[in-house]
Structure formats: structure tokens, C-alpha cells
All heavy atoms as atom14 arrays in JSON, in Angstrom:
{
  "sequence": "GDWHLAEDLVQTALGKVYSSWSRVRRTSSPEAYAHTVLMRTYISHRR",
  "atom14_mask": [
    [1, 1, 1, 1, 0, 0, 0, 0, 0, 0, 0, 0, 0, 0],
    [1, 1, 1, 1, 1, 1, 1, 1, 0, 0, 0, 0, 0, 0],
    [1, 1, 1, 1, 1, 1, 1, 1, 1, 1, 1, 1, 1, 1],
    [1, 1, 1, 1, 1, 1, 1, 1, 1, 1, 0, 0, 0, 0],
    [1, 1, 1, 1, 1, 1, 1, 1, 0, 0, 0, 0, 0, 0],
    [1, 1, 1, 1, 1, 0, 0, 0, 0, 0, 0, 0, 0, 0],
    [1, 1, 1, 1, 1, 1, 1, 1, 1, 0, 0, 0, 0, 0],
    [1, 1, 1, 1, 1, 1, 1, 1, 0, 0, 0, 0, 0, 0],
    [1, 1, 1, 1, 1, 1, 1, 1, 0, 0, 0, 0, 0, 0],
    [1, 1, 1, 1, 1, 1, 1, 0, 0, 0, 0, 0, 0, 0],
    [1, 1, 1, 1, 1, 1, 1, 1, 1, 0, 0, 0, 0, 0],
    [1, 1, 1, 1, 1, 1, 1, 0, 0, 0, 0, 0, 0, 0],
    [1, 1, 1, 1, 1, 0, 0, 0, 0, 0, 0, 0, 0, 0],
    [1, 1, 1, 1, 1, 1, 1, 1, 0, 0, 0, 0, 0, 0],
    [1, 1, 1, 1, 0, 0, 0, 0, 0, 0, 0, 0, 0, 0],
    [1, 1, 1, 1, 1, 1, 1, 1, 1, 0, 0, 0, 0, 0],
    [1, 1, 1, 1, 1, 1, 1, 0, 0, 0, 0, 0, 0, 0],
    [1, 1, 1, 1, 1, 1, 1, 1, 1, 1, 1, 1, 0, 0],
    [1, 1, 1, 1, 1, 1, 0, 0, 0, 0, 0, 0, 0, 0],
    [1, 1, 1, 1, 1, 1, 0, 0, 0, 0, 0, 0, 0, 0],
    [1, 1, 1, 1, 1, 1, 1, 1, 1, 1, 1, 1, 1, 1],
    [1, 1, 1, 1, 1, 1, 0, 0, 0, 0, 0, 0, 0, 0],
    [1, 1, 1, 1, 1, 1, 1, 1, 1, 1, 1, 0, 0, 0],
    [1, 1, 1, 1, 1, 1, 1, 0, 0, 0, 0, 0, 0, 0],
    [1, 1, 1, 1, 1, 1, 1, 1, 1, 1, 1, 0, 0, 0],
    [1, 1, 1, 1, 1, 1, 1, 1, 1, 1, 1, 0, 0, 0],
    [1, 1, 1, 1, 1, 1, 1, 0, 0, 0, 0, 0, 0, 0],
    [1, 1, 1, 1, 1, 1, 0, 0, 0, 0, 0, 0, 0, 0],
    [1, 1, 1, 1, 1, 1, 0, 0, 0, 0, 0, 0, 0, 0],
    [1, 1, 1, 1, 1, 1, 1, 0, 0, 0, 0, 0, 0, 0],
    [1, 1, 1, 1, 1, 1, 1, 1, 1, 0, 0, 0, 0, 0],
    [1, 1, 1, 1, 1, 0, 0, 0, 0, 0, 0, 0, 0, 0],
    [1, 1, 1, 1, 1, 1, 1, 1, 1, 1, 1, 1, 0, 0],
    [1, 1, 1, 1, 1, 0, 0, 0, 0, 0, 0, 0, 0, 0],
    [1, 1, 1, 1, 1, 1, 1, 1, 1, 1, 0, 0, 0, 0],
    [1, 1, 1, 1, 1, 1, 1, 0, 0, 0, 0, 0, 0, 0],
    [1, 1, 1, 1, 1, 1, 1, 0, 0, 0, 0, 0, 0, 0],
    [1, 1, 1, 1, 1, 1, 1, 1, 0, 0, 0, 0, 0, 0],
    [1, 1, 1, 1, 1, 1, 1, 1, 0, 0, 0, 0, 0, 0],
    [1, 1, 1, 1, 1, 1, 1, 1, 1, 1, 1, 0, 0, 0],
    [1, 1, 1, 1, 1, 1, 1, 0, 0, 0, 0, 0, 0, 0],
    [1, 1, 1, 1, 1, 1, 1, 1, 1, 1, 1, 1, 0, 0],
    [1, 1, 1, 1, 1, 1, 1, 1, 0, 0, 0, 0, 0, 0],
    [1, 1, 1, 1, 1, 1, 0, 0, 0, 0, 0, 0, 0, 0],
    [1, 1, 1, 1, 1, 1, 1, 1, 1, 1, 0, 0, 0, 0],
    [1, 1, 1, 1, 1, 1, 1, 1, 1, 1, 1, 0, 0, 0],
    [1, 1, 1, 1, 1, 1, 1, 1, 1, 1, 1, 0, 0, 0]
  ],
  "atom14_positions": [
    [[0.81, -1.21, 0.0], [0.0, 0.0, 0.0], [0.84, 1.26, 0.0], [0.32, 2.35, 0.17], [0.0, 0.0, 0.0], [0.0, 0.0, 0.0], [0.0, 0.0, 0.0], [0.0, 0.0, 0.0], [0.0, 0.0, 0.0], [0.0, 0.0, 0.0], [0.0, 0.0, 0.0], [0.0, 0.0, 0.0], [0.0, 0.0, 0.0], [0.0, 0.0, 0.0]],
    [[2.14, 1.14, -0.19], [3.05, 2.28, -0.14], [3.96, 2.24, -1.36], [4.7, 1.27, -1.56], [3.88, 2.2, 1.15], [4.85, 3.35, 1.29], [5.76, 3.48, 0.44], [4.71, 4.11, 2.26], [0.0, 0.0, 0.0], [0.0, 0.0, 0.0], [0.0, 0.0, 0.0], [0.0, 0.0, 0.0], [0.0, 0.0, 0.0], [0.0, 0.0, 0.0]],
    [[3.9, 3.29, -2.15], [4.65, 3.37, -3.41], [6.15, 3.19, -3.18], [6.82, 2.42, -3.85], [4.37, 4.71, -4.08], [4.92, 4.84, -5.45], [6.2, 5.15, -5.79], [4.22, 4.66, -6.68], [6.34, 5.18, -7.16], [5.13, 4.89, -7.73], [2.91, 4.34, -6.98], [4.78, 4.8, -9.06], [2.56, 4.26, -8.32], [3.47, 4.48, -9.34]],
    [[6.67, 3.93, -2.21], [8.12, 3.9, -1.97], [8.58, 2.58, -1.4], [9.63, 2.06, -1.78], [8.52, 5.07, -1.07], [8.18, 6.39, -1.66], [8.83, 6.91, -2.76], [7.23, 7.29, -1.35], [8.31, 8.08, -3.08], [7.32, 8.33, -2.24], [0.0, 0.0, 0.0], [0.0, 0.0, 0.0], [0.0, 0.0, 0.0], [0.0, 0.0, 0.0]],
    [[7.81, 2.02, -0.48], [8.15, 0.71, 0.06], [8.09, -0.34, -1.04], [8.95, -1.23, -1.11], [7.21, 0.32, 1.21], [7.42, -1.07, 1.81], [8.84, -1.23, 2.33], [6.4, -1.32, 2.92], [0.0, 0.0, 0.0], [0.0, 0.0, 0.0], [0.0, 0.0, 0.0], [0.0, 0.0, 0.0], [0.0, 0.0, 0.0], [0.0, 0.0, 0.0]],
    [[7.11, -0.24, -1.93], [7.01, -1.19, -3.05], [8.26, -1.11, -3.92], [8.8, -2.15, -4.33], [5.76, -0.9, -3.88], [0.0, 0.0, 0.0], [0.0, 0.0, 0.0], [0.0, 0.0, 0.0], [0.0, 0.0, 0.0], [0.0, 0.0, 0.0], [0.0, 0.0, 0.0], [0.0, 0.0, 0.0], [0.0, 0.0, 0.0], [0.0, 0.0, 0.0]],
    [[8.73, 0.09, -4.2], [9.96, 0.23, -4.99], [11.13, -0.42, -4.28], [11.94, -1.13, -4.89], [10.27, 1.71, -5.24], [9.33, 2.37, -6.22], [9.58, 3.87, -6.36], [10.15, 4.5, -5.43], [9.2, 4.41, -7.41], [0.0, 0.0, 0.0], [0.0, 0.0, 0.0], [0.0, 0.0, 0.0], [0.0, 0.0, 0.0], [0.0, 0.0, 0.0]],
    [[11.24, -0.2, -2.97], [12.33, -0.79, -2.18], [12.25, -2.31, -2.17], [13.26, -3.01, -2.29], [12.31, -0.27, -0.74], [12.67, 1.2, -0.64], [13.21, 1.76, -1.62], [12.4, 1.79, 0.43], [0.0, 0.0, 0.0], [0.0, 0.0, 0.0], [0.0, 0.0, 0.0], [0.0, 0.0, 0.0], [0.0, 0.0, 0.0], [0.0, 0.0, 0.0]],
    [[11.03, -2.84, -2.03], [10.86, -4.29, -2.01], [11.26, -4.92, -3.33], [11.93, -5.96, -3.35], [9.4, -4.64, -1.68], [8.94, -4.35, -0.26], [7.43, -4.5, -0.15], [9.65, -5.25, 0.74], [0.0, 0.0, 0.0], [0.0, 0.0, 0.0], [0.0, 0.0, 0.0], [0.0, 0.0, 0.0], [0.0, 0.0, 0.0], [0.0, 0.0, 0.0]],
    [[10.86, -4.28, -4.43], [11.22, -4.81, -5.76], [12.74, -4.77, -5.94], [13.35, -5.73, -6.42], [10.5, -4.03, -6.89], [11.06, -4.4, -8.25], [9.0, -4.31, -6.83], [0.0, 0.0, 0.0], [0.0, 0.0, 0.0], [0.0, 0.0, 0.0], [0.0, 0.0, 0.0], [0.0, 0.0, 0.0], [0.0, 0.0, 0.0], [0.0, 0.0, 0.0]],
    [[13.35, -3.66, -5.56], [14.8, -3.54, -5.69], [15.52, -4.61, -4.86], [16.46, -5.24, -5.33], [15.24, -2.15, -5.25], [16.73, -1.91, -5.43], [17.13, -0.5, -5.07], [16.32, 0.3, -4.6], [18.39, -0.18, -5.28], [0.0, 0.0, 0.0], [0.0, 0.0, 0.0], [0.0, 0.0, 0.0], [0.0, 0.0, 0.0], [0.0, 0.0, 0.0]],
    [[15.06, -4.82, -3.64], [15.67, -5.83, -2.78], [15.48, -7.23, -3.37], [16.42, -8.03, -3.4], [15.06, -5.76, -1.36], [15.29, -4.45, -0.83], [15.66, -6.81, -0.45], [0.0, 0.0, 0.0], [0.0, 0.0, 0.0], [0.0, 0.0, 0.0], [0.0, 0.0, 0.0], [0.0, 0.0, 0.0], [0.0, 0.0, 0.0], [0.0, 0.0, 0.0]],
    [[14.27, -7.51, -3.82], [13.99, -8.83, -4.4], [14.85, -9.07, -5.64], [15.42, -10.16, -5.8], [12.51, -8.97, -4.74], [0.0, 0.0, 0.0], [0.0, 0.0, 0.0], [0.0, 0.0, 0.0], [0.0, 0.0, 0.0], [0.0, 0.0, 0.0], [0.0, 0.0, 0.0], [0.0, 0.0, 0.0], [0.0, 0.0, 0.0], [0.0, 0.0, 0.0]],
    [[14.94, -8.08, -6.52], [15.77, -8.25, -7.72], [17.24, -8.41, -7.36], [17.97, -9.16, -8.02], [15.56, -7.08, -8.68], [14.23, -7.09, -9.43], [14.06, -5.81, -10.25], [14.09, -8.32, -10.32], [0.0, 0.0, 0.0], [0.0, 0.0, 0.0], [0.0, 0.0, 0.0], [0.0, 0.0, 0.0], [0.0, 0.0, 0.0], [0.0, 0.0, 0.0]],
    [[17.69, -7.73, -6.31], [19.07, -7.91, -5.85], [19.32, -9.33, -5.38], [20.36, -9.92, -5.68], [0.0, 0.0, 0.0], [0.0, 0.0, 0.0], [0.0, 0.0, 0.0], [0.0, 0.0, 0.0], [0.0, 0.0, 0.0], [0.0, 0.0, 0.0], [0.0, 0.0, 0.0], [0.0, 0.0, 0.0], [0.0, 0.0, 0.0], [0.0, 0.0, 0.0]],
    [[18.35, -9.89, -4.68], [18.48, -11.28, -4.21], [18.47, -12.25, -5.39], [19.23, -13.22, -5.41], [17.36, -11.62, -3.24], [17.5, -10.91, -1.9], [16.32, -11.21, -0.99], [16.46, -10.51, 0.34], [15.32, -10.79, 1.23], [0.0, 0.0, 0.0], [0.0, 0.0, 0.0], [0.0, 0.0, 0.0], [0.0, 0.0, 0.0], [0.0, 0.0, 0.0]],
    [[17.6, -11.99, -6.36], [17.55, -12.86, -7.55], [18.86, -12.77, -8.31], [19.41, -13.78, -8.75], [16.35, -12.49, -8.45], [16.42, -13.21, -9.78], [15.03, -12.81, -7.75], [0.0, 0.0, 0.0], [0.0, 0.0, 0.0], [0.0, 0.0, 0.0], [0.0, 0.0, 0.0], [0.0, 0.0, 0.0], [0.0, 0.0, 0.0], [0.0, 0.0, 0.0]],
    [[19.4, -11.55, -8.45], [20.64, -11.38, -9.19], [21.8, -12.11, -8.52], [22.64, -12.71, -9.2], [21.0, -9.89, -9.33], [22.3, -9.68, -10.06], [22.4, -9.96, -11.43], [23.43, -9.25, -9.39], [23.58, -9.79, -12.11], [24.62, -9.07, -10.07], [24.7, -9.34, -11.42], [25.88, -9.19, -12.09], [0.0, 0.0, 0.0], [0.0, 0.0, 0.0]],
    [[21.83, -12.09, -7.19], [22.93, -12.76, -6.49], [22.93, -14.28, -6.73], [23.96, -14.92, -6.58], [22.89, -12.46, -5.0], [21.78, -13.06, -4.4], [0.0, 0.0, 0.0], [0.0, 0.0, 0.0], [0.0, 0.0, 0.0], [0.0, 0.0, 0.0], [0.0, 0.0, 0.0], [0.0, 0.0, 0.0], [0.0, 0.0, 0.0], [0.0, 0.0, 0.0]],
    [[21.8, -14.82, -7.12], [21.69, -16.26, -7.42], [21.36, -16.51, -8.89], [20.85, -17.58, -9.24], [20.6, -16.89, -6.56], [20.84, -16.69, -5.2], [0.0, 0.0, 0.0], [0.0, 0.0, 0.0], [0.0, 0.0, 0.0], [0.0, 0.0, 0.0], [0.0, 0.0, 0.0], [0.0, 0.0, 0.0], [0.0, 0.0, 0.0], [0.0, 0.0, 0.0]],
    [[21.59, -15.52, -9.75], [21.12, -15.58, -11.13], [21.65, -16.8, -11.89], [20.92, -17.4, -12.68], [21.47, -14.3, -11.87], [20.91, -14.28, -13.26], [21.61, -14.25, -14.43], [19.53, -14.34, -13.63], [20.75, -14.26, -15.49], [19.47, -14.32, -15.03], [18.34, -14.41, -12.92], [18.26, -14.36, -15.73], [17.14, -14.46, -13.61], [17.12, -14.43, -15.0]],
    [[22.88, -17.21, -11.66], [23.41, -18.36, -12.41], [22.58, -19.61, -12.15], [22.4, -20.44, -13.04], [24.88, -18.6, -12.06], [25.01, -18.89, -10.69], [0.0, 0.0, 0.0], [0.0, 0.0, 0.0], [0.0, 0.0, 0.0], [0.0, 0.0, 0.0], [0.0, 0.0, 0.0], [0.0, 0.0, 0.0], [0.0, 0.0, 0.0], [0.0, 0.0, 0.0]],
    [[22.07, -19.75, -10.94], [21.22, -20.89, -10.59], [19.77, -20.63, -11.0], [19.09, -21.51, -11.53], [21.3, -21.15, -9.08], [20.49, -22.31, -8.6], [20.66, -22.56, -7.11], [20.61, -21.37, -6.27], [19.49, -20.82, -5.83], [18.33, -21.31, -6.17], [19.53, -19.75, -5.06], [0.0, 0.0, 0.0], [0.0, 0.0, 0.0], [0.0, 0.0, 0.0]],
    [[19.28, -19.41, -10.78], [17.88, -19.08, -11.04], [17.53, -19.19, -12.51], [16.46, -19.7, -12.87], [17.56, -17.65, -10.52], [16.17, -17.2, -10.95], [17.7, -17.59, -9.01], [0.0, 0.0, 0.0], [0.0, 0.0, 0.0], [0.0, 0.0, 0.0], [0.0, 0.0, 0.0], [0.0, 0.0, 0.0], [0.0, 0.0, 0.0], [0.0, 0.0, 0.0]],
    [[18.4, -18.74, -13.38], [18.07, -18.75, -14.82], [17.92, -20.15, -15.38], [17.33, -20.34, -16.43], [19.09, -17.94, -15.61], [20.43, -18.6, -15.73], [21.34, -17.82, -16.63], [22.65, -18.43, -16.59], [23.76, -17.79, -16.75], [23.74, -16.51, -17.01], [24.9, -18.42, -16.68], [0.0, 0.0, 0.0], [0.0, 0.0, 0.0], [0.0, 0.0, 0.0]],
    [[18.45, -21.14, -14.67], [18.31, -22.52, -15.13], [17.04, -23.19, -14.62], [16.72, -24.3, -15.01], [19.53, -23.33, -14.69], [20.81, -22.92, -15.4], [21.96, -23.87, -15.1], [22.19, -24.05, -13.68], [23.15, -23.45, -12.98], [23.97, -22.63, -13.58], [23.3, -23.68, -11.7], [0.0, 0.0, 0.0], [0.0, 0.0, 0.0], [0.0, 0.0, 0.0]],
    [[16.29, -22.51, -13.74], [15.06, -23.09, -13.22], [13.98, -23.06, -14.29], [14.1, -22.35, -15.29], [14.55, -22.33, -11.97], [14.22, -21.0, -12.34], [15.59, -22.34, -10.86], [0.0, 0.0, 0.0], [0.0, 0.0, 0.0], [0.0, 0.0, 0.0], [0.0, 0.0, 0.0], [0.0, 0.0, 0.0], [0.0, 0.0, 0.0], [0.0, 0.0, 0.0]],
    [[12.92, -23.79, -14.05], [11.84, -23.85, -15.04], [11.07, -22.53, -15.12], [10.5, -22.21, -16.15], [10.88, -24.99, -14.73], [10.29, -24.8, -13.46], [0.0, 0.0, 0.0], [0.0, 0.0, 0.0], [0.0, 0.0, 0.0], [0.0, 0.0, 0.0], [0.0, 0.0, 0.0], [0.0, 0.0, 0.0], [0.0, 0.0, 0.0], [0.0, 0.0, 0.0]],
    [[11.06, -21.76, -14.04], [10.33, -20.5, -14.04], [11.04, -19.45, -13.17], [10.71, -19.28, -11.99], [8.91, -20.71, -13.54], [8.21, -19.49, -13.57], [0.0, 0.0, 0.0], [0.0, 0.0, 0.0], [0.0, 0.0, 0.0], [0.0, 0.0, 0.0], [0.0, 0.0, 0.0], [0.0, 0.0, 0.0], [0.0, 0.0, 0.0], [0.0, 0.0, 0.0]],
    [[11.98, -18.73, -13.76], [12.65, -17.66, -13.0], [11.66, -16.6, -12.51], [11.85, -16.01, -11.45], [13.64, -17.07, -14.0], [13.83, -18.1, -15.04], [12.55, -18.88, -15.09], [0.0, 0.0, 0.0], [0.0, 0.0, 0.0], [0.0, 0.0, 0.0], [0.0, 0.0, 0.0], [0.0, 0.0, 0.0], [0.0, 0.0, 0.0], [0.0, 0.0, 0.0]],
    [[10.58, -16.37, -13.26], [9.58, -15.39, -12.86], [8.9, -15.81, -11.55], [8.71, -15.0, -10.65], [8.54, -15.21, -13.96], [7.51, -14.17, -13.65], [6.52, -13.97, -14.77], [6.87, -14.12, -15.94], [5.36, -13.67, -14.45], [0.0, 0.0, 0.0], [0.0, 0.0, 0.0], [0.0, 0.0, 0.0], [0.0, 0.0, 0.0], [0.0, 0.0, 0.0]],
    [[8.53, -17.07, -11.45], [7.91, -17.57, -10.22], [8.88, -17.46, -9.05], [8.5, -17.11, -7.94], [7.46, -19.02, -10.4], [0.0, 0.0, 0.0], [0.0, 0.0, 0.0], [0.0, 0.0, 0.0], [0.0, 0.0, 0.0], [0.0, 0.0, 0.0], [0.0, 0.0, 0.0], [0.0, 0.0, 0.0], [0.0, 0.0, 0.0], [0.0, 0.0, 0.0]],
    [[10.14, -17.73, -9.32], [11.16, -17.61, -8.28], [11.24, -16.16, -7.79], [11.27, -15.9, -6.59], [12.52, -18.07, -8.83], [13.63, -18.03, -7.81], [13.89, -19.13, -7.0], [14.42, -16.9, -7.66], [14.91, -19.1, -6.06], [15.44, -16.86, -6.73], [15.68, -17.96, -5.93], [16.68, -17.92, -5.0], [0.0, 0.0, 0.0], [0.0, 0.0, 0.0]],
    [[11.24, -15.22, -8.72], [11.31, -13.79, -8.36], [10.09, -13.37, -7.55], [10.21, -12.61, -6.58], [11.45, -12.94, -9.62], [0.0, 0.0, 0.0], [0.0, 0.0, 0.0], [0.0, 0.0, 0.0], [0.0, 0.0, 0.0], [0.0, 0.0, 0.0], [0.0, 0.0, 0.0], [0.0, 0.0, 0.0], [0.0, 0.0, 0.0], [0.0, 0.0, 0.0]],
    [[8.9, -13.85, -7.93], [7.7, -13.51, -7.16], [7.78, -14.09, -5.75], [7.36, -13.45, -4.78], [6.44, -14.0, -7.88], [5.87, -13.0, -8.81], [6.22, -12.94, -10.13], [5.0, -11.99, -8.6], [5.58, -11.94, -10.7], [4.84, -11.34, -9.8], [0.0, 0.0, 0.0], [0.0, 0.0, 0.0], [0.0, 0.0, 0.0], [0.0, 0.0, 0.0]],
    [[8.29, -15.3, -5.63], [8.45, -15.92, -4.31], [9.41, -15.1, -3.46], [9.14, -14.82, -2.29], [8.96, -17.37, -4.45], [8.01, -18.11, -5.2], [9.16, -18.01, -3.1], [0.0, 0.0, 0.0], [0.0, 0.0, 0.0], [0.0, 0.0, 0.0], [0.0, 0.0, 0.0], [0.0, 0.0, 0.0], [0.0, 0.0, 0.0], [0.0, 0.0, 0.0]],
    [[10.52, -14.68, -4.06], [11.49, -13.85, -3.33], [10.83, -12.54, -2.89], [11.02, -12.08, -1.76], [12.75, -13.59, -4.18], [13.64, -12.53, -3.55], [13.52, -14.88, -4.39], [0.0, 0.0, 0.0], [0.0, 0.0, 0.0], [0.0, 0.0, 0.0], [0.0, 0.0, 0.0], [0.0, 0.0, 0.0], [0.0, 0.0, 0.0], [0.0, 0.0, 0.0]],
    [[10.05, -11.92, -3.77], [9.36, -10.67, -3.44], [8.42, -10.87, -2.26], [8.41, -10.07, -1.31], [8.59, -10.13, -4.64], [7.74, -8.89, -4.36], [8.63, -7.69, -4.07], [6.83, -8.6, -5.54], [0.0, 0.0, 0.0], [0.0, 0.0, 0.0], [0.0, 0.0, 0.0], [0.0, 0.0, 0.0], [0.0, 0.0, 0.0], [0.0, 0.0, 0.0]],
    [[7.6, -11.9, -2.29], [6.63, -12.14, -1.22], [7.35, -12.41, 0.1], [6.96, -11.89, 1.14], [5.71, -13.31, -1.56], [4.83, -13.06, -2.78], [3.88, -11.53, -2.69], [2.67, -12.0, -1.5], [0.0, 0.0, 0.0], [0.0, 0.0, 0.0], [0.0, 0.0, 0.0], [0.0, 0.0, 0.0], [0.0, 0.0, 0.0], [0.0, 0.0, 0.0]],
    [[8.41, -13.18, 0.06], [9.14, -13.48, 1.29], [9.88, -12.25, 1.81], [10.01, -12.07, 3.02], [10.08, -14.65, 1.06], [9.3, -15.94, 0.88], [10.14, -17.14, 0.68], [9.27, -18.3, 0.52], [9.68, -19.46, 0.1], [10.95, -19.65, -0.19], [8.83, -20.46, -0.02], [0.0, 0.0, 0.0], [0.0, 0.0, 0.0], [0.0, 0.0, 0.0]],
    [[10.34, -11.41, 0.91], [10.98, -10.15, 1.31], [9.97, -9.27, 2.0], [10.27, -8.66, 3.04], [11.59, -9.44, 0.08], [12.57, -10.29, -0.51], [12.24, -8.13, 0.46], [0.0, 0.0, 0.0], [0.0, 0.0, 0.0], [0.0, 0.0, 0.0], [0.0, 0.0, 0.0], [0.0, 0.0, 0.0], [0.0, 0.0, 0.0], [0.0, 0.0, 0.0]],
    [[8.76, -9.18, 1.46], [7.72, -8.37, 2.08], [7.34, -8.91, 3.46], [7.25, -8.16, 4.43], [6.47, -8.29, 1.19], [5.33, -7.6, 1.88], [5.38, -6.24, 2.1], [4.23, -8.3, 2.33], [4.35, -5.58, 2.77], [3.2, -7.66, 2.99], [3.27, -6.3, 3.2], [2.26, -5.67, 3.86], [0.0, 0.0, 0.0], [0.0, 0.0, 0.0]],
    [[7.13, -10.21, 3.54], [6.76, -10.82, 4.82], [7.86, -10.59, 5.85], [7.59, -10.24, 6.99], [6.43, -12.31, 4.64], [5.12, -12.45, 3.85], [6.35, -13.04, 5.98], [4.82, -13.85, 3.37], [0.0, 0.0, 0.0], [0.0, 0.0, 0.0], [0.0, 0.0, 0.0], [0.0, 0.0, 0.0], [0.0, 0.0, 0.0], [0.0, 0.0, 0.0]],
    [[9.1, -10.74, 5.43], [10.23, -10.51, 6.32], [10.28, -9.06, 6.77], [10.51, -8.76, 7.95], [11.53, -10.88, 5.61], [12.63, -10.56, 6.41], [0.0, 0.0, 0.0], [0.0, 0.0, 0.0], [0.0, 0.0, 0.0], [0.0, 0.0, 0.0], [0.0, 0.0, 0.0], [0.0, 0.0, 0.0], [0.0, 0.0, 0.0], [0.0, 0.0, 0.0]],
    [[10.03, -8.14, 5.85], [10.01, -6.72, 6.19], [8.94, -6.42, 7.23], [9.18, -5.69, 8.19], [9.76, -5.87, 4.94], [9.5, -4.43, 5.24], [10.51, -3.54, 5.51], [8.34, -3.74, 5.35], [9.99, -2.36, 5.77], [8.67, -2.45, 5.67], [0.0, 0.0, 0.0], [0.0, 0.0, 0.0], [0.0, 0.0, 0.0], [0.0, 0.0, 0.0]],
    [[7.76, -6.99, 7.07], [6.67, -6.76, 8.02], [7.0, -7.34, 9.38], [6.66, -6.76, 10.4], [5.37, -7.36, 7.49], [4.83, -6.68, 6.25], [4.37, -5.3, 6.54], [3.25, -5.38, 7.48], [2.67, -4.35, 8.02], [3.06, -3.15, 7.74], [1.66, -4.51, 8.85], [0.0, 0.0, 0.0], [0.0, 0.0, 0.0], [0.0, 0.0, 0.0]],
    [[7.65, -8.48, 9.39], [8.01, -9.1, 10.67], [9.03, -8.26, 11.42], [8.97, -8.12, 12.63], [8.61, -10.48, 10.44], [7.59, -11.56, 10.42], [8.29, -12.91, 10.51], [7.47, -13.84, 9.8], [7.87, -14.59, 8.79], [9.11, -14.55, 8.39], [7.05, -15.41, 8.21], [0.0, 0.0, 0.0], [0.0, 0.0, 0.0], [0.0, 0.0, 0.0]]
  ]
}
């Protein structure tokens, strides 16, 4: 519900995906992996 927090969450999630990109790009669905990272980043942020 917050524009700036959403930008930060996306940036953090993409940073995490990039750090594992050599492994992630070989998965069947890198997009699903990125969404999972985003959701877990948000949940972690709220906690």
C-alpha cells in the first residue's frame, strides 16, 4: 500500500535474484522464483 516501500521491495527482491542468477536462470520458471522472493521479502520486512 506504499509506493516507496514497493519500490524498495522490488529492488531488494531483484538484488536477491541477481545474487543467485546463475542458478535461477536454469530453473523452469525464474519469474515464479522472483515472485516468491518478493513475497518473502515483504513478509520478512513486516516481521
